[in-house]
Amino acid sequence: FASLTAMMFVTSKMVNDRLIFVWKDFWQSFRANFIRSTVYGLIVTVCAVIIYFCWNVSTQISIPDLMRGILLVVYILTTCCLLLHAAFFFHVQAWIDLPFHQQIKNCFLMIMVGKWRTLVVLALLSGWFLFIFLFHPISYMVLIFFSSSICYVITAIVMPLFNQHLIAHSE
């Protein structure tokens, strides 16, 4: 998770046309954000496991189809919110040094403020995870080669939103 934050930092410097030393900036950001990013990543992982466990339980118990459909919608929306929050958190963590609860709150606010950018990021991440799920034997090799490209595209989409609402105000 700290490496993801560091990669978001490096790609956001690329998107903003700032002077970049890839290796030095990556390790500097990795060390600076290690504890917070790891704690957040573990929280997100636990939440994802809980959602997955709840989905498995709800598919195995006998409940009416309407209730099963409602639960499916709730699980999908919760997963989308969790995925979007994680995508936005690692960018905020890389650029702004705030208390942890403020970072969590700012990510939710950025999701709400940038509605169209949020939908584009959600579509991109959903397509990426769908590709991984459908072509899982082959997709692992593709994942290795294209994950940084996906991070760069996400950074290019969300960075103008952060520049407008967060970074300019914090400097």
Protein backbone atom coordinates (compact mmCIF):
# COMPACT_ATOMS: atom_id res chain seq x y z
CA PHE A 1 0.00 0.00 0.00
CA ALA A 2 2.88 2.34 0.65
CA SER A 3 4.27 1.49 -2.77
CA LEU A 4 0.92 2.38 -4.32
CA THR A 5 1.02 5.76 -2.59
CA ALA A 6 4.58 6.29 -3.79
CA MET A 7 3.61 5.32 -7.34
CA MET A 8 0.69 7.77 -7.22
CA PHE A 9 3.08 10.48 -6.05
CA VAL A 10 5.50 9.83 -8.89
CA THR A 11 2.78 9.65 -11.54
CA SER A 12 1.12 12.80 -10.23
CA LYS A 13 4.44 14.63 -10.57
CA MET A 14 4.58 13.37 -14.16
CA VAL A 15 1.03 14.56 -14.85
CA ASN A 16 1.79 17.99 -13.36
CA ASP A 17 5.01 18.32 -15.41
CA ARG A 18 7.15 18.72 -12.32
CA LEU A 19 10.80 17.81 -12.05
CA ILE A 20 10.97 14.14 -11.20
CA PHE A 21 13.61 11.70 -10.11
CA VAL A 22 11.68 8.45 -10.31
CA TRP A 23 13.73 6.28 -7.99
CA LYS A 24 14.52 8.99 -5.42
CA ASP A 25 10.97 10.40 -5.31
CA PHE A 26 9.44 6.93 -5.12
CA TRP A 27 11.55 5.85 -2.12
CA GLN A 28 11.15 9.20 -0.40
CA SER A 29 7.36 8.99 -0.68
CA PHE A 30 7.41 5.30 0.27
CA ARG A 31 9.26 6.03 3.52
CA ALA A 32 7.17 9.10 4.34
CA ASN A 33 3.80 7.40 3.83
CA PHE A 34 4.57 3.84 4.92
CA ILE A 35 2.68 3.66 8.21
CA ARG A 36 -0.43 5.58 7.17
CA SER A 37 -0.78 3.89 3.81
CA THR A 38 -0.29 0.45 5.31
CA VAL A 39 -2.86 1.07 8.05
CA TYR A 40 -5.36 2.38 5.51
CA GLY A 41 -4.66 -0.52 3.16
CA LEU A 42 -5.24 -3.01 5.94
CA ILE A 43 -8.52 -1.31 6.85
CA VAL A 44 -9.66 -1.44 3.22
CA THR A 45 -8.60 -5.07 2.96
CA VAL A 46 -10.55 -6.00 6.10
CA CYS A 47 -13.61 -4.15 4.77
CA ALA A 48 -13.33 -5.96 1.43
CA VAL A 49 -13.03 -9.32 3.16
CA ILE A 50 -16.10 -8.54 5.28
CA ILE A 51 -18.09 -7.58 2.17
CA TYR A 52 -16.96 -10.77 0.43
CA PHE A 53 -17.83 -12.88 3.48
CA CYS A 54 -21.27 -11.26 3.78
CA TRP A 55 -21.91 -11.89 0.09
CA ASN A 56 -20.98 -15.55 0.44
CA VAL A 57 -23.21 -15.96 3.47
CA SER A 58 -26.15 -14.23 1.80
CA THR A 59 -25.90 -16.46 -1.27
CA GLN A 60 -25.88 -19.64 0.83
CA ILE A 61 -28.78 -18.91 3.15
CA SER A 62 -32.36 -19.19 2.00
CA ILE A 63 -33.85 -15.73 1.63
CA PRO A 64 -36.40 -14.36 -0.84
CA ASP A 65 -35.11 -13.33 -4.27
CA LEU A 66 -36.09 -9.70 -3.69
CA MET A 67 -33.98 -9.55 -0.53
CA ARG A 68 -31.09 -11.26 -2.33
CA GLY A 69 -31.32 -8.63 -5.09
CA ILE A 70 -31.35 -5.79 -2.58
CA LEU A 71 -28.32 -7.25 -0.82
CA LEU A 72 -26.53 -7.60 -4.17
CA VAL A 73 -27.12 -3.90 -4.89
CA VAL A 74 -25.93 -2.93 -1.40
CA TYR A 75 -22.78 -5.04 -1.76
CA ILE A 76 -22.00 -3.62 -5.20
CA LEU A 77 -22.52 -0.01 -4.05
CA THR A 78 -20.44 -0.58 -0.94
CA THR A 79 -17.65 -2.14 -2.99
CA CYS A 80 -17.74 0.76 -5.47
CA CYS A 81 -17.53 3.31 -2.65
CA LEU A 82 -14.66 1.42 -1.06
CA LEU A 83 -12.82 1.15 -4.38
CA LEU A 84 -13.28 4.84 -5.19
CA HIS A 85 -12.26 5.92 -1.72
CA ALA A 86 -9.09 3.86 -1.96
CA ALA A 87 -8.30 5.29 -5.40
CA PHE A 88 -8.67 8.83 -4.08
CA PHE A 89 -7.01 8.20 -0.70
CA PHE A 90 -3.63 7.22 -2.09
CA HIS A 91 -3.49 10.44 -4.12
CA VAL A 92 -4.44 12.59 -1.15
CA GLN A 93 -1.98 10.72 1.07
CA ALA A 94 0.82 11.28 -1.40
CA TRP A 95 0.36 15.05 -1.58
CA ILE A 96 -1.23 16.40 1.56
CA ASP A 97 -0.09 15.89 5.13
CA LEU A 98 -3.26 15.98 7.24
CA PRO A 99 -4.48 13.97 10.21
CA PHE A 100 -5.80 10.55 9.24
CA HIS A 101 -9.48 11.34 9.86
CA GLN A 102 -9.18 14.53 7.77
CA GLN A 103 -7.74 12.52 4.89
CA ILE A 104 -10.62 10.04 5.08
CA LYS A 105 -13.12 12.92 5.07
CA ASN A 106 -11.38 14.74 2.20
CA CYS A 107 -11.50 11.62 0.04
CA PHE A 108 -15.26 11.33 0.52
CA LEU A 109 -15.62 15.02 -0.32
CA MET A 110 -13.50 14.67 -3.47
CA ILE A 111 -15.66 11.76 -4.59
CA MET A 112 -18.76 13.93 -4.23
CA VAL A 113 -17.27 17.11 -5.73
CA GLY A 114 -15.83 15.51 -8.84
CA LYS A 115 -18.87 13.53 -9.93
CA TRP A 116 -17.89 13.07 -13.56
CA ARG A 117 -14.28 12.29 -12.81
CA THR A 118 -15.43 9.86 -10.15
CA LEU A 119 -17.65 8.06 -12.64
CA VAL A 120 -14.80 7.83 -15.15
CA VAL A 121 -12.46 6.41 -12.49
CA LEU A 122 -15.14 3.96 -11.39
CA ALA A 123 -15.70 2.82 -14.99
CA LEU A 124 -11.96 2.44 -15.53
CA LEU A 125 -11.42 0.46 -12.33
CA SER A 126 -14.51 -1.67 -12.92
CA GLY A 127 -13.34 -2.49 -16.44
CA TRP A 128 -9.88 -3.30 -15.14
CA PHE A 129 -11.19 -5.65 -12.42
CA LEU A 130 -13.66 -7.22 -14.84
CA PHE A 131 -10.80 -7.89 -17.25
CA ILE A 132 -8.75 -9.45 -14.45
CA PHE A 133 -11.70 -11.61 -13.37
CA LEU A 134 -12.64 -12.79 -16.86
CA PHE A 135 -9.14 -13.49 -18.13
CA HIS A 136 -7.47 -14.43 -14.85
CA PRO A 137 -4.77 -16.78 -16.07
CA ILE A 138 -3.54 -14.32 -18.68
CA SER A 139 -4.48 -11.14 -16.83
CA TYR A 140 -1.81 -11.63 -14.17
CA MET A 141 0.91 -11.03 -16.75
CA VAL A 142 -0.98 -8.05 -18.12
CA LEU A 143 -1.43 -6.76 -14.56
CA ILE A 144 2.32 -6.73 -14.05
CA PHE A 145 2.97 -4.70 -17.19
CA PHE A 146 0.02 -2.32 -17.21
CA SER A 147 -0.75 -1.54 -13.56
CA SER A 148 1.47 1.55 -13.58
CA SER A 149 -0.25 2.72 -16.76
CA ILE A 150 -3.65 2.38 -15.10
CA CYS A 151 -2.33 4.38 -12.11
CA TYR A 152 -1.07 7.06 -14.49
CA VAL A 153 -4.43 7.31 -16.24
CA ILE A 154 -6.29 7.53 -12.93
CA THR A 155 -3.85 10.20 -11.79
CA ALA A 156 -4.40 12.17 -14.99
CA ILE A 157 -8.15 12.04 -14.37
CA VAL A 158 -8.21 13.00 -10.68
CA MET A 159 -5.20 15.30 -10.35
CA PRO A 160 -6.91 18.41 -11.79
CA LEU A 161 -9.62 17.94 -9.17
CA PHE A 162 -7.03 17.78 -6.38
CA ASN A 163 -5.13 20.74 -7.78
CA GLN A 164 -8.30 22.78 -7.82
CA HIS A 165 -9.71 21.89 -4.41
CA LEU A 166 -6.95 20.62 -2.15
CA ILE A 167 -3.38 21.32 -3.18
CA ALA A 168 -3.81 24.99 -4.04
CA HIS A 169 -5.47 25.61 -0.67
CA SER A 170 -2.92 23.67 1.37
CA GLU A 171 0.08 25.51 -0.09
